[in-house]
Amino acid sequence: MVGLKPPEVPPPAAVKFVSAGMAGCIADLCTFPLDTAKVRLQIQGEVRIPRTVSSVEYRGVLGTLSTMVRTEGARSLYSGLAAGLQRQMSFASIRIGLYDSVKQLYTPKGAENTGMATRLLAGCTTGAVAVACAQPTDVVKVRFQASGAQWDSARRYSGTVDAYRTIAREEGVRGLWRGTLPNIARNAIINCGELVTYDLLKDALLRAQLMTDNVPCHFVAAFGAGFCATVVASPVDVVKTRYMNASPGQYRNALSCLLALLMQDGPAGLYKGFVPSFLRLGSWNVVMFVSYEQLQRLMVLARPALA
């Protein structure tokens, strides 16, 4: 794939849409244990109503992963993977696959270059729309990943379909969209820190002729995008994770969840799980963007043969 010749014309929106969903699934398969470790560290020490005693204590990324394998088995590292893949097929397809199309829509006619404001607006738009569509899958994914961290959350659901049904029955349909506002905020920020940074870095590398449009260029741009996205999005990500995993009535809204976190852990609590967040988001970006670029080229090259 490394030697694939770049297509002479930009891939159509449908190719980008499908490629983004597939690339998101590939990235999730490679990095899901890191995402689970991040969730466990983010909810550790959370004040719950009624108050319960946590069964285990997690220390660091490797410590969290080893503790989970020792106490819950290796399969626990991929708990919620089905919901995670469902999420990527809708979420990544929209926020990444439609980014270029929305960016073109916002670009004034006749403009030679796309401005920063247009890129940011496109990132916010696709991120918000993606969350609105994929929120139930994100709620279920977080619930499964958090399962086992507290005594009262173990074996909460028998499977992914049961989780959707149980949440809708016990918490109402609104329960499937729990944490939508903080998630929209998180993903608008991540989209800007991720897609816009990747877009700008890739353009800068190509314009300066430091690299050509190939895998090393995609790798460098994706790594930088992952770091920027983690720095700006971690505080919102922590609040989102806690609010999604909360028991009914534990928090009145996302703001009360934020205030409870600050009162309990201080500002440092907003960066709980930062290392696994960066390891996960950084590696996820590298795998996703490299896969995305290569899948686009493969699909463009395969179209004449399939026609």
Foldseek 3Di string as FASTA:
>chain_A
DQPFDADPDAFDLVLLLQLQLVLLLVLCVVQQLLVLLLLLQLCPPPAAVVGFDWPDDADDSVRSQVVCCVPPNNCLSCFLSVLSSVLSNQQRSQLGSCLVVQLVVQDDPPDPDRDLVSSLVSNLVSLLVSLVVSQLSVLLSLLRSNANRTPVSHPVAPDSVRVCVVQCVPVNPVLSNFLSVLSSVLRSLLSSLQVVQLVVQLVVCVVVVVDDPGLVSQLVSLLNSLVSSLVRRQLSVSLSSPRSNGDPPRAPGSVRSSVSQCVVPNPVSSCGSSVSSSVSSNSSSSSSRNSSSVSSSVVVVCVVVVD
